[in-house]
Amino acid sequence: TARYYCAARLSPLSERQTFLQPYEY
């Protein structure tokens, strides 16, 4: 139970990288 948020960011340097921290979006 929570409010679920979607986030996005450009990832120009790597197509494989995932981002785990809120500040990265």
PDBML (XML) file of the C-alpha atoms, coordinates in Angstrom:
<?xml version="1.0" encoding="UTF-8" ?>
<PDBx:datablock datablockName="MODEL"
   xmlns:PDBx="http://pdbml.pdb.org/schema/pdbx-v50.xsd"
   xmlns:xsi="http://www.w3.org/2001/XMLSchema-instance"
   xsi:schemaLocation="http://pdbml.pdb.org/schema/pdbx-v50.xsd pdbx-v50.xsd">
   <PDBx:atom_siteCategory>
      <PDBx:atom_site id="1">
         <PDBx:B_iso_or_equiv>0.00</PDBx:B_iso_or_equiv>
         <PDBx:Cartn_x>0.000</PDBx:Cartn_x>
         <PDBx:Cartn_y>0.000</PDBx:Cartn_y>
         <PDBx:Cartn_z>0.000</PDBx:Cartn_z>
         <PDBx:auth_asym_id>A</PDBx:auth_asym_id>
         <PDBx:auth_atom_id>CA</PDBx:auth_atom_id>
         <PDBx:auth_comp_id>THR</PDBx:auth_comp_id>
         <PDBx:auth_seq_id>1</PDBx:auth_seq_id>
         <PDBx:group_PDB>ATOM</PDBx:group_PDB>
         <PDBx:label_alt_id xsi:nil="true" />
         <PDBx:label_asym_id>A</PDBx:label_asym_id>
         <PDBx:label_atom_id>CA</PDBx:label_atom_id>
         <PDBx:label_comp_id>THR</PDBx:label_comp_id>
         <PDBx:label_entity_id>1</PDBx:label_entity_id>
         <PDBx:label_seq_id>1</PDBx:label_seq_id>
         <PDBx:occupancy>1.00</PDBx:occupancy>
         <PDBx:pdbx_PDB_model_num>1</PDBx:pdbx_PDB_model_num>
         <PDBx:type_symbol>C</PDBx:type_symbol>
      </PDBx:atom_site>
      <PDBx:atom_site id="2">
         <PDBx:B_iso_or_equiv>0.00</PDBx:B_iso_or_equiv>
         <PDBx:Cartn_x>1.518</PDBx:Cartn_x>
         <PDBx:Cartn_y>3.263</PDBx:Cartn_y>
         <PDBx:Cartn_z>-1.189</PDBx:Cartn_z>
         <PDBx:auth_asym_id>A</PDBx:auth_asym_id>
         <PDBx:auth_atom_id>CA</PDBx:auth_atom_id>
         <PDBx:auth_comp_id>ALA</PDBx:auth_comp_id>
         <PDBx:auth_seq_id>2</PDBx:auth_seq_id>
         <PDBx:group_PDB>ATOM</PDBx:group_PDB>
         <PDBx:label_alt_id xsi:nil="true" />
         <PDBx:label_asym_id>A</PDBx:label_asym_id>
         <PDBx:label_atom_id>CA</PDBx:label_atom_id>
         <PDBx:label_comp_id>ALA</PDBx:label_comp_id>
         <PDBx:label_entity_id>1</PDBx:label_entity_id>
         <PDBx:label_seq_id>2</PDBx:label_seq_id>
         <PDBx:occupancy>1.00</PDBx:occupancy>
         <PDBx:pdbx_PDB_model_num>1</PDBx:pdbx_PDB_model_num>
         <PDBx:type_symbol>C</PDBx:type_symbol>
      </PDBx:atom_site>
      <PDBx:atom_site id="3">
         <PDBx:B_iso_or_equiv>0.00</PDBx:B_iso_or_equiv>
         <PDBx:Cartn_x>1.366</PDBx:Cartn_x>
         <PDBx:Cartn_y>5.910</PDBx:Cartn_y>
         <PDBx:Cartn_z>-3.829</PDBx:Cartn_z>
         <PDBx:auth_asym_id>A</PDBx:auth_asym_id>
         <PDBx:auth_atom_id>CA</PDBx:auth_atom_id>
         <PDBx:auth_comp_id>ARG</PDBx:auth_comp_id>
         <PDBx:auth_seq_id>3</PDBx:auth_seq_id>
         <PDBx:group_PDB>ATOM</PDBx:group_PDB>
         <PDBx:label_alt_id xsi:nil="true" />
         <PDBx:label_asym_id>A</PDBx:label_asym_id>
         <PDBx:label_atom_id>CA</PDBx:label_atom_id>
         <PDBx:label_comp_id>ARG</PDBx:label_comp_id>
         <PDBx:label_entity_id>1</PDBx:label_entity_id>
         <PDBx:label_seq_id>3</PDBx:label_seq_id>
         <PDBx:occupancy>1.00</PDBx:occupancy>
         <PDBx:pdbx_PDB_model_num>1</PDBx:pdbx_PDB_model_num>
         <PDBx:type_symbol>C</PDBx:type_symbol>
      </PDBx:atom_site>
      <PDBx:atom_site id="4">
         <PDBx:B_iso_or_equiv>0.00</PDBx:B_iso_or_equiv>
         <PDBx:Cartn_x>3.300</PDBx:Cartn_x>
         <PDBx:Cartn_y>4.675</PDBx:Cartn_y>
         <PDBx:Cartn_z>-6.861</PDBx:Cartn_z>
         <PDBx:auth_asym_id>A</PDBx:auth_asym_id>
         <PDBx:auth_atom_id>CA</PDBx:auth_atom_id>
         <PDBx:auth_comp_id>TYR</PDBx:auth_comp_id>
         <PDBx:auth_seq_id>4</PDBx:auth_seq_id>
         <PDBx:group_PDB>ATOM</PDBx:group_PDB>
         <PDBx:label_alt_id xsi:nil="true" />
         <PDBx:label_asym_id>A</PDBx:label_asym_id>
         <PDBx:label_atom_id>CA</PDBx:label_atom_id>
         <PDBx:label_comp_id>TYR</PDBx:label_comp_id>
         <PDBx:label_entity_id>1</PDBx:label_entity_id>
         <PDBx:label_seq_id>4</PDBx:label_seq_id>
         <PDBx:occupancy>1.00</PDBx:occupancy>
         <PDBx:pdbx_PDB_model_num>1</PDBx:pdbx_PDB_model_num>
         <PDBx:type_symbol>C</PDBx:type_symbol>
      </PDBx:atom_site>
      <PDBx:atom_site id="5">
         <PDBx:B_iso_or_equiv>0.00</PDBx:B_iso_or_equiv>
         <PDBx:Cartn_x>5.289</PDBx:Cartn_x>
         <PDBx:Cartn_y>7.121</PDBx:Cartn_y>
         <PDBx:Cartn_z>-8.948</PDBx:Cartn_z>
         <PDBx:auth_asym_id>A</PDBx:auth_asym_id>
         <PDBx:auth_atom_id>CA</PDBx:auth_atom_id>
         <PDBx:auth_comp_id>TYR</PDBx:auth_comp_id>
         <PDBx:auth_seq_id>5</PDBx:auth_seq_id>
         <PDBx:group_PDB>ATOM</PDBx:group_PDB>
         <PDBx:label_alt_id xsi:nil="true" />
         <PDBx:label_asym_id>A</PDBx:label_asym_id>
         <PDBx:label_atom_id>CA</PDBx:label_atom_id>
         <PDBx:label_comp_id>TYR</PDBx:label_comp_id>
         <PDBx:label_entity_id>1</PDBx:label_entity_id>
         <PDBx:label_seq_id>5</PDBx:label_seq_id>
         <PDBx:occupancy>1.00</PDBx:occupancy>
         <PDBx:pdbx_PDB_model_num>1</PDBx:pdbx_PDB_model_num>
         <PDBx:type_symbol>C</PDBx:type_symbol>
      </PDBx:atom_site>
      <PDBx:atom_site id="6">
         <PDBx:B_iso_or_equiv>0.00</PDBx:B_iso_or_equiv>
         <PDBx:Cartn_x>6.755</PDBx:Cartn_x>
         <PDBx:Cartn_y>6.777</PDBx:Cartn_y>
         <PDBx:Cartn_z>-12.400</PDBx:Cartn_z>
         <PDBx:auth_asym_id>A</PDBx:auth_asym_id>
         <PDBx:auth_atom_id>CA</PDBx:auth_atom_id>
         <PDBx:auth_comp_id>CYS</PDBx:auth_comp_id>
         <PDBx:auth_seq_id>6</PDBx:auth_seq_id>
         <PDBx:group_PDB>ATOM</PDBx:group_PDB>
         <PDBx:label_alt_id xsi:nil="true" />
         <PDBx:label_asym_id>A</PDBx:label_asym_id>
         <PDBx:label_atom_id>CA</PDBx:label_atom_id>
         <PDBx:label_comp_id>CYS</PDBx:label_comp_id>
         <PDBx:label_entity_id>1</PDBx:label_entity_id>
         <PDBx:label_seq_id>6</PDBx:label_seq_id>
         <PDBx:occupancy>1.00</PDBx:occupancy>
         <PDBx:pdbx_PDB_model_num>1</PDBx:pdbx_PDB_model_num>
         <PDBx:type_symbol>C</PDBx:type_symbol>
      </PDBx:atom_site>
      <PDBx:atom_site id="7">
         <PDBx:B_iso_or_equiv>0.00</PDBx:B_iso_or_equiv>
         <PDBx:Cartn_x>9.964</PDBx:Cartn_x>
         <PDBx:Cartn_y>8.617</PDBx:Cartn_y>
         <PDBx:Cartn_z>-13.266</PDBx:Cartn_z>
         <PDBx:auth_asym_id>A</PDBx:auth_asym_id>
         <PDBx:auth_atom_id>CA</PDBx:auth_atom_id>
         <PDBx:auth_comp_id>ALA</PDBx:auth_comp_id>
         <PDBx:auth_seq_id>7</PDBx:auth_seq_id>
         <PDBx:group_PDB>ATOM</PDBx:group_PDB>
         <PDBx:label_alt_id xsi:nil="true" />
         <PDBx:label_asym_id>A</PDBx:label_asym_id>
         <PDBx:label_atom_id>CA</PDBx:label_atom_id>
         <PDBx:label_comp_id>ALA</PDBx:label_comp_id>
         <PDBx:label_entity_id>1</PDBx:label_entity_id>
         <PDBx:label_seq_id>7</PDBx:label_seq_id>
         <PDBx:occupancy>1.00</PDBx:occupancy>
         <PDBx:pdbx_PDB_model_num>1</PDBx:pdbx_PDB_model_num>
         <PDBx:type_symbol>C</PDBx:type_symbol>
      </PDBx:atom_site>
      <PDBx:atom_site id="8">
         <PDBx:B_iso_or_equiv>0.00</PDBx:B_iso_or_equiv>
         <PDBx:Cartn_x>11.999</PDBx:Cartn_x>
         <PDBx:Cartn_y>9.222</PDBx:Cartn_y>
         <PDBx:Cartn_z>-16.406</PDBx:Cartn_z>
         <PDBx:auth_asym_id>A</PDBx:auth_asym_id>
         <PDBx:auth_atom_id>CA</PDBx:auth_atom_id>
         <PDBx:auth_comp_id>ALA</PDBx:auth_comp_id>
         <PDBx:auth_seq_id>8</PDBx:auth_seq_id>
         <PDBx:group_PDB>ATOM</PDBx:group_PDB>
         <PDBx:label_alt_id xsi:nil="true" />
         <PDBx:label_asym_id>A</PDBx:label_asym_id>
         <PDBx:label_atom_id>CA</PDBx:label_atom_id>
         <PDBx:label_comp_id>ALA</PDBx:label_comp_id>
         <PDBx:label_entity_id>1</PDBx:label_entity_id>
         <PDBx:label_seq_id>8</PDBx:label_seq_id>
         <PDBx:occupancy>1.00</PDBx:occupancy>
         <PDBx:pdbx_PDB_model_num>1</PDBx:pdbx_PDB_model_num>
         <PDBx:type_symbol>C</PDBx:type_symbol>
      </PDBx:atom_site>
      <PDBx:atom_site id="9">
         <PDBx:B_iso_or_equiv>0.00</PDBx:B_iso_or_equiv>
         <PDBx:Cartn_x>15.393</PDBx:Cartn_x>
         <PDBx:Cartn_y>10.491</PDBx:Cartn_y>
         <PDBx:Cartn_z>-17.419</PDBx:Cartn_z>
         <PDBx:auth_asym_id>A</PDBx:auth_asym_id>
         <PDBx:auth_atom_id>CA</PDBx:auth_atom_id>
         <PDBx:auth_comp_id>ARG</PDBx:auth_comp_id>
         <PDBx:auth_seq_id>9</PDBx:auth_seq_id>
         <PDBx:group_PDB>ATOM</PDBx:group_PDB>
         <PDBx:label_alt_id xsi:nil="true" />
         <PDBx:label_asym_id>A</PDBx:label_asym_id>
         <PDBx:label_atom_id>CA</PDBx:label_atom_id>
         <PDBx:label_comp_id>ARG</PDBx:label_comp_id>
         <PDBx:label_entity_id>1</PDBx:label_entity_id>
         <PDBx:label_seq_id>9</PDBx:label_seq_id>
         <PDBx:occupancy>1.00</PDBx:occupancy>
         <PDBx:pdbx_PDB_model_num>1</PDBx:pdbx_PDB_model_num>
         <PDBx:type_symbol>C</PDBx:type_symbol>
      </PDBx:atom_site>
      <PDBx:atom_site id="10">
         <PDBx:B_iso_or_equiv>0.00</PDBx:B_iso_or_equiv>
         <PDBx:Cartn_x>17.439</PDBx:Cartn_x>
         <PDBx:Cartn_y>10.587</PDBx:Cartn_y>
         <PDBx:Cartn_z>-20.559</PDBx:Cartn_z>
         <PDBx:auth_asym_id>A</PDBx:auth_asym_id>
         <PDBx:auth_atom_id>CA</PDBx:auth_atom_id>
         <PDBx:auth_comp_id>LEU</PDBx:auth_comp_id>
         <PDBx:auth_seq_id>10</PDBx:auth_seq_id>
         <PDBx:group_PDB>ATOM</PDBx:group_PDB>
         <PDBx:label_alt_id xsi:nil="true" />
         <PDBx:label_asym_id>A</PDBx:label_asym_id>
         <PDBx:label_atom_id>CA</PDBx:label_atom_id>
         <PDBx:label_comp_id>LEU</PDBx:label_comp_id>
         <PDBx:label_entity_id>1</PDBx:label_entity_id>
         <PDBx:label_seq_id>10</PDBx:label_seq_id>
         <PDBx:occupancy>1.00</PDBx:occupancy>
         <PDBx:pdbx_PDB_model_num>1</PDBx:pdbx_PDB_model_num>
         <PDBx:type_symbol>C</PDBx:type_symbol>
      </PDBx:atom_site>
      <PDBx:atom_site id="11">
         <PDBx:B_iso_or_equiv>0.00</PDBx:B_iso_or_equiv>
         <PDBx:Cartn_x>20.201</PDBx:Cartn_x>
         <PDBx:Cartn_y>8.008</PDBx:Cartn_y>
         <PDBx:Cartn_z>-20.685</PDBx:Cartn_z>
         <PDBx:auth_asym_id>A</PDBx:auth_asym_id>
         <PDBx:auth_atom_id>CA</PDBx:auth_atom_id>
         <PDBx:auth_comp_id>SER</PDBx:auth_comp_id>
         <PDBx:auth_seq_id>11</PDBx:auth_seq_id>
         <PDBx:group_PDB>ATOM</PDBx:group_PDB>
         <PDBx:label_alt_id xsi:nil="true" />
         <PDBx:label_asym_id>A</PDBx:label_asym_id>
         <PDBx:label_atom_id>CA</PDBx:label_atom_id>
         <PDBx:label_comp_id>SER</PDBx:label_comp_id>
         <PDBx:label_entity_id>1</PDBx:label_entity_id>
         <PDBx:label_seq_id>11</PDBx:label_seq_id>
         <PDBx:occupancy>1.00</PDBx:occupancy>
         <PDBx:pdbx_PDB_model_num>1</PDBx:pdbx_PDB_model_num>
         <PDBx:type_symbol>C</PDBx:type_symbol>
      </PDBx:atom_site>
      <PDBx:atom_site id="12">
         <PDBx:B_iso_or_equiv>0.00</PDBx:B_iso_or_equiv>
         <PDBx:Cartn_x>22.368</PDBx:Cartn_x>
         <PDBx:Cartn_y>9.106</PDBx:Cartn_y>
         <PDBx:Cartn_z>-23.569</PDBx:Cartn_z>
         <PDBx:auth_asym_id>A</PDBx:auth_asym_id>
         <PDBx:auth_atom_id>CA</PDBx:auth_atom_id>
         <PDBx:auth_comp_id>PRO</PDBx:auth_comp_id>
         <PDBx:auth_seq_id>12</PDBx:auth_seq_id>
         <PDBx:group_PDB>ATOM</PDBx:group_PDB>
         <PDBx:label_alt_id xsi:nil="true" />
         <PDBx:label_asym_id>A</PDBx:label_asym_id>
         <PDBx:label_atom_id>CA</PDBx:label_atom_id>
         <PDBx:label_comp_id>PRO</PDBx:label_comp_id>
         <PDBx:label_entity_id>1</PDBx:label_entity_id>
         <PDBx:label_seq_id>12</PDBx:label_seq_id>
         <PDBx:occupancy>1.00</PDBx:occupancy>
         <PDBx:pdbx_PDB_model_num>1</PDBx:pdbx_PDB_model_num>
         <PDBx:type_symbol>C</PDBx:type_symbol>
      </PDBx:atom_site>
      <PDBx:atom_site id="13">
         <PDBx:B_iso_or_equiv>0.00</PDBx:B_iso_or_equiv>
         <PDBx:Cartn_x>25.548</PDBx:Cartn_x>
         <PDBx:Cartn_y>7.303</PDBx:Cartn_y>
         <PDBx:Cartn_z>-22.615</PDBx:Cartn_z>
         <PDBx:auth_asym_id>A</PDBx:auth_asym_id>
         <PDBx:auth_atom_id>CA</PDBx:auth_atom_id>
         <PDBx:auth_comp_id>LEU</PDBx:auth_comp_id>
         <PDBx:auth_seq_id>13</PDBx:auth_seq_id>
         <PDBx:group_PDB>ATOM</PDBx:group_PDB>
         <PDBx:label_alt_id xsi:nil="true" />
         <PDBx:label_asym_id>A</PDBx:label_asym_id>
         <PDBx:label_atom_id>CA</PDBx:label_atom_id>
         <PDBx:label_comp_id>LEU</PDBx:label_comp_id>
         <PDBx:label_entity_id>1</PDBx:label_entity_id>
         <PDBx:label_seq_id>13</PDBx:label_seq_id>
         <PDBx:occupancy>1.00</PDBx:occupancy>
         <PDBx:pdbx_PDB_model_num>1</PDBx:pdbx_PDB_model_num>
         <PDBx:type_symbol>C</PDBx:type_symbol>
      </PDBx:atom_site>
      <PDBx:atom_site id="14">
         <PDBx:B_iso_or_equiv>0.00</PDBx:B_iso_or_equiv>
         <PDBx:Cartn_x>24.258</PDBx:Cartn_x>
         <PDBx:Cartn_y>3.807</PDBx:Cartn_y>
         <PDBx:Cartn_z>-21.989</PDBx:Cartn_z>
         <PDBx:auth_asym_id>A</PDBx:auth_asym_id>
         <PDBx:auth_atom_id>CA</PDBx:auth_atom_id>
         <PDBx:auth_comp_id>SER</PDBx:auth_comp_id>
         <PDBx:auth_seq_id>14</PDBx:auth_seq_id>
         <PDBx:group_PDB>ATOM</PDBx:group_PDB>
         <PDBx:label_alt_id xsi:nil="true" />
         <PDBx:label_asym_id>A</PDBx:label_asym_id>
         <PDBx:label_atom_id>CA</PDBx:label_atom_id>
         <PDBx:label_comp_id>SER</PDBx:label_comp_id>
         <PDBx:label_entity_id>1</PDBx:label_entity_id>
         <PDBx:label_seq_id>14</PDBx:label_seq_id>
         <PDBx:occupancy>1.00</PDBx:occupancy>
         <PDBx:pdbx_PDB_model_num>1</PDBx:pdbx_PDB_model_num>
         <PDBx:type_symbol>C</PDBx:type_symbol>
      </PDBx:atom_site>
      <PDBx:atom_site id="15">
         <PDBx:B_iso_or_equiv>0.00</PDBx:B_iso_or_equiv>
         <PDBx:Cartn_x>21.306</PDBx:Cartn_x>
         <PDBx:Cartn_y>1.815</PDBx:Cartn_y>
         <PDBx:Cartn_z>-23.208</PDBx:Cartn_z>
         <PDBx:auth_asym_id>A</PDBx:auth_asym_id>
         <PDBx:auth_atom_id>CA</PDBx:auth_atom_id>
         <PDBx:auth_comp_id>GLU</PDBx:auth_comp_id>
         <PDBx:auth_seq_id>15</PDBx:auth_seq_id>
         <PDBx:group_PDB>ATOM</PDBx:group_PDB>
         <PDBx:label_alt_id xsi:nil="true" />
         <PDBx:label_asym_id>A</PDBx:label_asym_id>
         <PDBx:label_atom_id>CA</PDBx:label_atom_id>
         <PDBx:label_comp_id>GLU</PDBx:label_comp_id>
         <PDBx:label_entity_id>1</PDBx:label_entity_id>
         <PDBx:label_seq_id>15</PDBx:label_seq_id>
         <PDBx:occupancy>1.00</PDBx:occupancy>
         <PDBx:pdbx_PDB_model_num>1</PDBx:pdbx_PDB_model_num>
         <PDBx:type_symbol>C</PDBx:type_symbol>
      </PDBx:atom_site>
      <PDBx:atom_site id="16">
         <PDBx:B_iso_or_equiv>0.00</PDBx:B_iso_or_equiv>
         <PDBx:Cartn_x>21.856</PDBx:Cartn_x>
         <PDBx:Cartn_y>-0.783</PDBx:Cartn_y>
         <PDBx:Cartn_z>-20.480</PDBx:Cartn_z>
         <PDBx:auth_asym_id>A</PDBx:auth_asym_id>
         <PDBx:auth_atom_id>CA</PDBx:auth_atom_id>
         <PDBx:auth_comp_id>ARG</PDBx:auth_comp_id>
         <PDBx:auth_seq_id>16</PDBx:auth_seq_id>
         <PDBx:group_PDB>ATOM</PDBx:group_PDB>
         <PDBx:label_alt_id xsi:nil="true" />
         <PDBx:label_asym_id>A</PDBx:label_asym_id>
         <PDBx:label_atom_id>CA</PDBx:label_atom_id>
         <PDBx:label_comp_id>ARG</PDBx:label_comp_id>
         <PDBx:label_entity_id>1</PDBx:label_entity_id>
         <PDBx:label_seq_id>16</PDBx:label_seq_id>
         <PDBx:occupancy>1.00</PDBx:occupancy>
         <PDBx:pdbx_PDB_model_num>1</PDBx:pdbx_PDB_model_num>
         <PDBx:type_symbol>C</PDBx:type_symbol>
      </PDBx:atom_site>
      <PDBx:atom_site id="17">
         <PDBx:B_iso_or_equiv>0.00</PDBx:B_iso_or_equiv>
         <PDBx:Cartn_x>21.953</PDBx:Cartn_x>
         <PDBx:Cartn_y>1.399</PDBx:Cartn_y>
         <PDBx:Cartn_z>-17.395</PDBx:Cartn_z>
         <PDBx:auth_asym_id>A</PDBx:auth_asym_id>
         <PDBx:auth_atom_id>CA</PDBx:auth_atom_id>
         <PDBx:auth_comp_id>GLN</PDBx:auth_comp_id>
         <PDBx:auth_seq_id>17</PDBx:auth_seq_id>
         <PDBx:group_PDB>ATOM</PDBx:group_PDB>
         <PDBx:label_alt_id xsi:nil="true" />
         <PDBx:label_asym_id>A</PDBx:label_asym_id>
         <PDBx:label_atom_id>CA</PDBx:label_atom_id>
         <PDBx:label_comp_id>GLN</PDBx:label_comp_id>
         <PDBx:label_entity_id>1</PDBx:label_entity_id>
         <PDBx:label_seq_id>17</PDBx:label_seq_id>
         <PDBx:occupancy>1.00</PDBx:occupancy>
         <PDBx:pdbx_PDB_model_num>1</PDBx:pdbx_PDB_model_num>
         <PDBx:type_symbol>C</PDBx:type_symbol>
      </PDBx:atom_site>
      <PDBx:atom_site id="18">
         <PDBx:B_iso_or_equiv>0.00</PDBx:B_iso_or_equiv>
         <PDBx:Cartn_x>19.217</PDBx:Cartn_x>
         <PDBx:Cartn_y>1.438</PDBx:Cartn_y>
         <PDBx:Cartn_z>-14.793</PDBx:Cartn_z>
         <PDBx:auth_asym_id>A</PDBx:auth_asym_id>
         <PDBx:auth_atom_id>CA</PDBx:auth_atom_id>
         <PDBx:auth_comp_id>THR</PDBx:auth_comp_id>
         <PDBx:auth_seq_id>18</PDBx:auth_seq_id>
         <PDBx:group_PDB>ATOM</PDBx:group_PDB>
         <PDBx:label_alt_id xsi:nil="true" />
         <PDBx:label_asym_id>A</PDBx:label_asym_id>
         <PDBx:label_atom_id>CA</PDBx:label_atom_id>
         <PDBx:label_comp_id>THR</PDBx:label_comp_id>
         <PDBx:label_entity_id>1</PDBx:label_entity_id>
         <PDBx:label_seq_id>18</PDBx:label_seq_id>
         <PDBx:occupancy>1.00</PDBx:occupancy>
         <PDBx:pdbx_PDB_model_num>1</PDBx:pdbx_PDB_model_num>
         <PDBx:type_symbol>C</PDBx:type_symbol>
      </PDBx:atom_site>
      <PDBx:atom_site id="19">
         <PDBx:B_iso_or_equiv>0.00</PDBx:B_iso_or_equiv>
         <PDBx:Cartn_x>18.886</PDBx:Cartn_x>
         <PDBx:Cartn_y>4.175</PDBx:Cartn_y>
         <PDBx:Cartn_z>-12.190</PDBx:Cartn_z>
         <PDBx:auth_asym_id>A</PDBx:auth_asym_id>
         <PDBx:auth_atom_id>CA</PDBx:auth_atom_id>
         <PDBx:auth_comp_id>PHE</PDBx:auth_comp_id>
         <PDBx:auth_seq_id>19</PDBx:auth_seq_id>
         <PDBx:group_PDB>ATOM</PDBx:group_PDB>
         <PDBx:label_alt_id xsi:nil="true" />
         <PDBx:label_asym_id>A</PDBx:label_asym_id>
         <PDBx:label_atom_id>CA</PDBx:label_atom_id>
         <PDBx:label_comp_id>PHE</PDBx:label_comp_id>
         <PDBx:label_entity_id>1</PDBx:label_entity_id>
         <PDBx:label_seq_id>19</PDBx:label_seq_id>
         <PDBx:occupancy>1.00</PDBx:occupancy>
         <PDBx:pdbx_PDB_model_num>1</PDBx:pdbx_PDB_model_num>
         <PDBx:type_symbol>C</PDBx:type_symbol>
      </PDBx:atom_site>
      <PDBx:atom_site id="20">
         <PDBx:B_iso_or_equiv>0.00</PDBx:B_iso_or_equiv>
         <PDBx:Cartn_x>17.900</PDBx:Cartn_x>
         <PDBx:Cartn_y>3.415</PDBx:Cartn_y>
         <PDBx:Cartn_z>-8.626</PDBx:Cartn_z>
         <PDBx:auth_asym_id>A</PDBx:auth_asym_id>
         <PDBx:auth_atom_id>CA</PDBx:auth_atom_id>
         <PDBx:auth_comp_id>LEU</PDBx:auth_comp_id>
         <PDBx:auth_seq_id>20</PDBx:auth_seq_id>
         <PDBx:group_PDB>ATOM</PDBx:group_PDB>
         <PDBx:label_alt_id xsi:nil="true" />
         <PDBx:label_asym_id>A</PDBx:label_asym_id>
         <PDBx:label_atom_id>CA</PDBx:label_atom_id>
         <PDBx:label_comp_id>LEU</PDBx:label_comp_id>
         <PDBx:label_entity_id>1</PDBx:label_entity_id>
         <PDBx:label_seq_id>20</PDBx:label_seq_id>
         <PDBx:occupancy>1.00</PDBx:occupancy>
         <PDBx:pdbx_PDB_model_num>1</PDBx:pdbx_PDB_model_num>
         <PDBx:type_symbol>C</PDBx:type_symbol>
      </PDBx:atom_site>
      <PDBx:atom_site id="21">
         <PDBx:B_iso_or_equiv>0.00</PDBx:B_iso_or_equiv>
         <PDBx:Cartn_x>17.878</PDBx:Cartn_x>
         <PDBx:Cartn_y>6.754</PDBx:Cartn_y>
         <PDBx:Cartn_z>-6.818</PDBx:Cartn_z>
         <PDBx:auth_asym_id>A</PDBx:auth_asym_id>
         <PDBx:auth_atom_id>CA</PDBx:auth_atom_id>
         <PDBx:auth_comp_id>GLN</PDBx:auth_comp_id>
         <PDBx:auth_seq_id>21</PDBx:auth_seq_id>
         <PDBx:group_PDB>ATOM</PDBx:group_PDB>
         <PDBx:label_alt_id xsi:nil="true" />
         <PDBx:label_asym_id>A</PDBx:label_asym_id>
         <PDBx:label_atom_id>CA</PDBx:label_atom_id>
         <PDBx:label_comp_id>GLN</PDBx:label_comp_id>
         <PDBx:label_entity_id>1</PDBx:label_entity_id>
         <PDBx:label_seq_id>21</PDBx:label_seq_id>
         <PDBx:occupancy>1.00</PDBx:occupancy>
         <PDBx:pdbx_PDB_model_num>1</PDBx:pdbx_PDB_model_num>
         <PDBx:type_symbol>C</PDBx:type_symbol>
      </PDBx:atom_site>
      <PDBx:atom_site id="22">
         <PDBx:B_iso_or_equiv>0.00</PDBx:B_iso_or_equiv>
         <PDBx:Cartn_x>15.136</PDBx:Cartn_x>
         <PDBx:Cartn_y>9.393</PDBx:Cartn_y>
         <PDBx:Cartn_z>-6.973</PDBx:Cartn_z>
         <PDBx:auth_asym_id>A</PDBx:auth_asym_id>
         <PDBx:auth_atom_id>CA</PDBx:auth_atom_id>
         <PDBx:auth_comp_id>PRO</PDBx:auth_comp_id>
         <PDBx:auth_seq_id>22</PDBx:auth_seq_id>
         <PDBx:group_PDB>ATOM</PDBx:group_PDB>
         <PDBx:label_alt_id xsi:nil="true" />
         <PDBx:label_asym_id>A</PDBx:label_asym_id>
         <PDBx:label_atom_id>CA</PDBx:label_atom_id>
         <PDBx:label_comp_id>PRO</PDBx:label_comp_id>
         <PDBx:label_entity_id>1</PDBx:label_entity_id>
         <PDBx:label_seq_id>22</PDBx:label_seq_id>
         <PDBx:occupancy>1.00</PDBx:occupancy>
         <PDBx:pdbx_PDB_model_num>1</PDBx:pdbx_PDB_model_num>
         <PDBx:type_symbol>C</PDBx:type_symbol>
      </PDBx:atom_site>
      <PDBx:atom_site id="23">
         <PDBx:B_iso_or_equiv>0.00</PDBx:B_iso_or_equiv>
         <PDBx:Cartn_x>17.650</PDBx:Cartn_x>
         <PDBx:Cartn_y>12.193</PDBx:Cartn_y>
         <PDBx:Cartn_z>-7.558</PDBx:Cartn_z>
         <PDBx:auth_asym_id>A</PDBx:auth_asym_id>
         <PDBx:auth_atom_id>CA</PDBx:auth_atom_id>
         <PDBx:auth_comp_id>TYR</PDBx:auth_comp_id>
         <PDBx:auth_seq_id>23</PDBx:auth_seq_id>
         <PDBx:group_PDB>ATOM</PDBx:group_PDB>
         <PDBx:label_alt_id xsi:nil="true" />
         <PDBx:label_asym_id>A</PDBx:label_asym_id>
         <PDBx:label_atom_id>CA</PDBx:label_atom_id>
         <PDBx:label_comp_id>TYR</PDBx:label_comp_id>
         <PDBx:label_entity_id>1</PDBx:label_entity_id>
         <PDBx:label_seq_id>23</PDBx:label_seq_id>
         <PDBx:occupancy>1.00</PDBx:occupancy>
         <PDBx:pdbx_PDB_model_num>1</PDBx:pdbx_PDB_model_num>
         <PDBx:type_symbol>C</PDBx:type_symbol>
      </PDBx:atom_site>
      <PDBx:atom_site id="24">
         <PDBx:B_iso_or_equiv>0.00</PDBx:B_iso_or_equiv>
         <PDBx:Cartn_x>18.783</PDBx:Cartn_x>
         <PDBx:Cartn_y>10.492</PDBx:Cartn_y>
         <PDBx:Cartn_z>-10.765</PDBx:Cartn_z>
         <PDBx:auth_asym_id>A</PDBx:auth_asym_id>
         <PDBx:auth_atom_id>CA</PDBx:auth_atom_id>
         <PDBx:auth_comp_id>GLU</PDBx:auth_comp_id>
         <PDBx:auth_seq_id>24</PDBx:auth_seq_id>
         <PDBx:group_PDB>ATOM</PDBx:group_PDB>
         <PDBx:label_alt_id xsi:nil="true" />
         <PDBx:label_asym_id>A</PDBx:label_asym_id>
         <PDBx:label_atom_id>CA</PDBx:label_atom_id>
         <PDBx:label_comp_id>GLU</PDBx:label_comp_id>
         <PDBx:label_entity_id>1</PDBx:label_entity_id>
         <PDBx:label_seq_id>24</PDBx:label_seq_id>
         <PDBx:occupancy>1.00</PDBx:occupancy>
         <PDBx:pdbx_PDB_model_num>1</PDBx:pdbx_PDB_model_num>
         <PDBx:type_symbol>C</PDBx:type_symbol>
      </PDBx:atom_site>
      <PDBx:atom_site id="25">
         <PDBx:B_iso_or_equiv>0.00</PDBx:B_iso_or_equiv>
         <PDBx:Cartn_x>15.445</PDBx:Cartn_x>
         <PDBx:Cartn_y>11.192</PDBx:Cartn_y>
         <PDBx:Cartn_z>-12.438</PDBx:Cartn_z>
         <PDBx:auth_asym_id>A</PDBx:auth_asym_id>
         <PDBx:auth_atom_id>CA</PDBx:auth_atom_id>
         <PDBx:auth_comp_id>TYR</PDBx:auth_comp_id>
         <PDBx:auth_seq_id>25</PDBx:auth_seq_id>
         <PDBx:group_PDB>ATOM</PDBx:group_PDB>
         <PDBx:label_alt_id xsi:nil="true" />
         <PDBx:label_asym_id>A</PDBx:label_asym_id>
         <PDBx:label_atom_id>CA</PDBx:label_atom_id>
         <PDBx:label_comp_id>TYR</PDBx:label_comp_id>
         <PDBx:label_entity_id>1</PDBx:label_entity_id>
         <PDBx:label_seq_id>25</PDBx:label_seq_id>
         <PDBx:occupancy>1.00</PDBx:occupancy>
         <PDBx:pdbx_PDB_model_num>1</PDBx:pdbx_PDB_model_num>
         <PDBx:type_symbol>C</PDBx:type_symbol>
      </PDBx:atom_site>
   </PDBx:atom_siteCategory>
</PDBx:datablock>
